Amino acid sequence: MISIYGRKQVVSKANEILDFIYENGFTPSLTTYNSLMYMYSRSEKFQKSEEILRMILKKGMKPDKISYNTVIYAYCRNGRMKEAVRIFSEMKDSALVPNVVTYNTFVATYAADSLFVEAIDVIRYMIKQGCKPDQNTYNSIVDWYCKHNRQEEANSFVKNLGNIDPHVSKEEKSRLLKRMARGLR
């Protein structure tokens, strides 16, 4: 139920259920806490996501990738990159390996802020760490180049993508060029 209310951003109902869980001596699961973090990550009280992460750790529970990715998203979404990078470091220190969702959050945020060099650096780093970029990784950069009327740079990015990701296929580059063409209309 908390998950449903969380996705619908019905904070009061989600908190009522959490209170009921506590009042009746139950221990919320990691999934419950992740749902709460998700809810807060998309709200004005996005910092509560990290507060919940700290509570999980204090209770001796082990956060998972979803936990960390949610807090990273909360900070990225609100332009708090320093905090997002700090949580990213904590994630790695906890022996969790960041995944494509983790990296895509950074790529999309940097691209949205016209920080394309940083976005491309994240792609290089993720590849170096053994994490394969997906469509969303490249879409973020191409889409934001186009939204910022930087079509020439978008074209250059796609043309030189092989230098960034040696494993990128011709089909992927073709798909991105078609996406660019649609975005320019």
Protein backbone atom coordinates (compact mmCIF):
# COMPACT_ATOMS: atom_id res chain seq x y z
CA MET A 1 0.00 0.00 0.00
CA ILE A 2 2.83 2.41 0.81
CA SER A 3 4.23 1.80 -2.66
CA ILE A 4 0.90 2.68 -4.29
CA TYR A 5 0.44 5.84 -2.22
CA GLY A 6 4.07 6.75 -2.77
CA ARG A 7 3.81 6.52 -6.55
CA LYS A 8 0.65 8.63 -6.42
CA GLN A 9 2.40 11.13 -4.10
CA VAL A 10 -0.23 10.70 -1.38
CA VAL A 11 2.25 11.42 1.41
CA SER A 12 -0.27 11.58 4.26
CA LYS A 13 -1.70 8.12 3.53
CA ALA A 14 1.75 6.59 3.11
CA ASN A 15 2.79 8.04 6.47
CA GLU A 16 -0.44 6.79 8.11
CA ILE A 17 0.38 3.26 7.00
CA LEU A 18 3.96 3.60 8.21
CA ASP A 19 2.70 4.82 11.60
CA PHE A 20 0.35 1.83 11.75
CA ILE A 21 3.28 -0.51 11.04
CA TYR A 22 5.34 1.04 13.85
CA GLU A 23 2.43 1.22 16.34
CA ASN A 24 1.72 -2.47 15.90
CA GLY A 25 5.31 -3.55 16.47
CA PHE A 26 6.11 -4.48 12.90
CA THR A 27 9.38 -3.68 11.17
CA PRO A 28 9.10 -2.11 7.73
CA SER A 29 10.93 -3.97 4.97
CA LEU A 30 13.59 -2.48 2.74
CA THR A 31 10.96 -2.38 -0.02
CA THR A 32 8.75 -0.24 2.22
CA TYR A 33 11.60 2.16 2.94
CA ASN A 34 12.53 2.28 -0.76
CA SER A 35 8.92 3.17 -1.59
CA LEU A 36 9.02 6.02 0.91
CA MET A 37 12.33 7.26 -0.47
CA TYR A 38 10.86 7.14 -3.98
CA MET A 39 7.86 9.18 -2.83
CA TYR A 40 10.01 11.83 -1.18
CA SER A 41 12.53 11.93 -4.04
CA ARG A 42 9.80 13.39 -6.24
CA SER A 43 8.52 15.90 -3.72
CA GLU A 44 9.59 19.22 -2.27
CA LYS A 45 10.87 17.29 0.75
CA PHE A 46 13.39 15.37 -1.36
CA GLN A 47 16.01 15.50 1.44
CA LYS A 48 13.82 13.08 3.42
CA SER A 49 15.03 10.40 0.99
CA GLU A 50 18.48 10.62 2.52
CA GLU A 51 17.03 10.79 6.03
CA ILE A 52 15.31 7.46 5.36
CA LEU A 53 18.55 6.03 3.96
CA ARG A 54 20.30 7.05 7.20
CA MET A 55 17.50 5.46 9.23
CA ILE A 56 17.89 2.19 7.30
CA LEU A 57 21.61 2.15 8.04
CA LYS A 58 21.04 3.04 11.71
CA LYS A 59 18.63 0.10 12.04
CA GLY A 60 21.34 -2.23 10.73
CA MET A 61 19.61 -2.88 7.43
CA LYS A 62 21.59 -2.96 4.20
CA PRO A 63 20.36 -0.52 1.55
CA ASP A 64 20.33 -1.84 -2.02
CA LYS A 65 20.95 -0.20 -5.40
CA ILE A 66 17.37 1.01 -5.49
CA SER A 67 17.88 2.79 -2.17
CA TYR A 68 21.01 4.60 -3.30
CA ASN A 69 19.74 5.30 -6.83
CA THR A 70 16.61 6.88 -5.39
CA VAL A 71 18.56 9.27 -3.18
CA ILE A 72 20.94 10.08 -6.05
CA TYR A 73 17.91 10.82 -8.23
CA ALA A 74 16.41 13.06 -5.53
CA TYR A 75 19.54 15.19 -5.38
CA CYS A 76 20.14 15.26 -9.15
CA ARG A 77 16.53 16.22 -9.82
CA ASN A 78 16.97 19.20 -7.51
CA GLY A 79 20.34 20.34 -8.84
CA ARG A 80 22.28 19.15 -5.81
CA MET A 81 25.09 17.39 -7.66
CA LYS A 82 27.59 17.60 -4.80
CA GLU A 83 25.21 15.61 -2.59
CA ALA A 84 24.43 13.17 -5.42
CA VAL A 85 28.14 12.49 -5.92
CA ARG A 86 28.57 12.01 -2.15
CA ILE A 87 25.79 9.38 -2.11
CA PHE A 88 27.33 7.76 -5.22
CA SER A 89 30.63 7.44 -3.31
CA GLU A 90 28.83 5.96 -0.32
CA MET A 91 27.13 3.47 -2.62
CA LYS A 92 30.49 2.31 -3.99
CA ASP A 93 32.01 2.24 -0.49
CA SER A 94 29.20 -0.08 0.61
CA ALA A 95 30.37 -2.60 -2.02
CA LEU A 96 27.36 -2.00 -4.28
CA VAL A 97 28.22 -1.64 -7.95
CA PRO A 98 26.46 1.29 -9.61
CA ASN A 99 24.30 0.22 -12.55
CA VAL A 100 23.11 1.84 -15.77
CA VAL A 101 20.26 3.54 -13.86
CA THR A 102 22.78 5.19 -11.55
CA TYR A 103 24.91 6.50 -14.37
CA ASN A 104 21.94 7.53 -16.54
CA THR A 105 20.68 9.71 -13.71
CA PHE A 106 23.93 11.67 -13.78
CA VAL A 107 24.11 11.78 -17.59
CA ALA A 108 20.53 13.06 -17.90
CA THR A 109 21.05 15.68 -15.19
CA TYR A 110 24.28 17.01 -16.64
CA ALA A 111 22.81 17.07 -20.16
CA ALA A 112 19.68 18.89 -18.95
CA ASP A 113 21.95 21.54 -17.41
CA SER A 114 23.94 21.84 -20.69
CA LEU A 115 26.96 20.29 -18.98
CA PHE A 116 27.65 18.00 -21.92
CA VAL A 117 31.36 17.52 -21.19
CA GLU A 118 30.45 16.22 -17.73
CA ALA A 119 27.72 13.99 -19.18
CA ILE A 120 30.17 12.47 -21.66
CA ASP A 121 32.75 12.05 -18.89
CA VAL A 122 30.17 10.01 -16.95
CA ILE A 123 29.65 7.79 -20.00
CA ARG A 124 33.40 7.24 -20.31
CA TYR A 125 33.63 6.47 -16.60
CA MET A 126 30.72 4.02 -16.64
CA ILE A 127 32.26 2.15 -19.59
CA LYS A 128 35.61 2.05 -17.78
CA GLN A 129 33.77 0.56 -14.77
CA GLY A 130 32.29 -2.17 -16.98
CA CYS A 131 28.76 -0.74 -17.15
CA LYS A 132 27.31 -0.76 -20.66
CA PRO A 133 25.39 2.36 -21.71
CA ASP A 134 21.87 1.81 -23.01
CA GLN A 135 19.52 3.77 -25.29
CA ASN A 136 18.56 6.11 -22.47
CA THR A 137 22.19 7.03 -21.90
CA TYR A 138 22.62 8.34 -25.43
CA ASN A 139 19.06 9.65 -25.81
CA SER A 140 19.63 12.04 -22.90
CA ILE A 141 22.55 13.72 -24.58
CA VAL A 142 21.05 13.87 -28.09
CA ASP A 143 17.68 15.08 -26.81
CA TRP A 144 19.17 17.84 -24.67
CA TYR A 145 21.53 18.98 -27.40
CA CYS A 146 18.48 19.34 -29.65
CA LYS A 147 16.39 21.06 -26.95
CA HIS A 148 19.20 23.59 -26.51
CA ASN A 149 19.36 24.14 -30.31
CA ARG A 150 22.83 22.63 -30.50
CA GLN A 151 22.18 20.34 -33.45
CA GLU A 152 25.70 20.56 -34.81
CA GLU A 153 27.07 19.32 -31.49
CA ALA A 154 24.44 16.56 -31.38
CA ASN A 155 25.53 15.45 -34.83
CA SER A 156 29.19 15.55 -33.79
CA PHE A 157 28.38 13.55 -30.65
CA VAL A 158 26.71 10.79 -32.69
CA LYS A 159 29.42 10.86 -35.35
CA ASN A 160 32.18 10.49 -32.73
CA LEU A 161 30.31 8.13 -30.42
CA GLY A 162 32.69 5.31 -31.35
CA ASN A 163 35.50 7.25 -29.66
CA ILE A 164 33.50 7.36 -26.44
CA ASP A 165 32.04 3.86 -26.62
CA PRO A 166 34.06 1.51 -28.84
CA HIS A 167 31.26 -1.07 -28.67
CA VAL A 168 28.48 1.18 -29.96
CA SER A 169 26.81 -0.36 -33.00
CA LYS A 170 26.12 1.25 -36.37
CA GLU A 171 22.45 0.55 -35.71
CA GLU A 172 22.57 2.56 -32.48
CA LYS A 173 24.23 5.49 -34.22
CA SER A 174 21.64 5.31 -37.01
CA ARG A 175 18.82 5.23 -34.45
CA LEU A 176 20.23 8.32 -32.75
CA LEU A 177 20.52 10.19 -36.06
CA LYS A 178 16.87 9.35 -36.82
CA ARG A 179 15.92 10.53 -33.33
CA MET A 180 17.78 13.77 -33.93
CA ALA A 181 16.01 14.29 -37.25
CA ARG A 182 12.62 13.84 -35.55
CA GLY A 183 13.64 16.22 -32.78
CA LEU A 184 14.63 18.93 -35.22
CA ARG A 185 11.21 19.17 -36.85
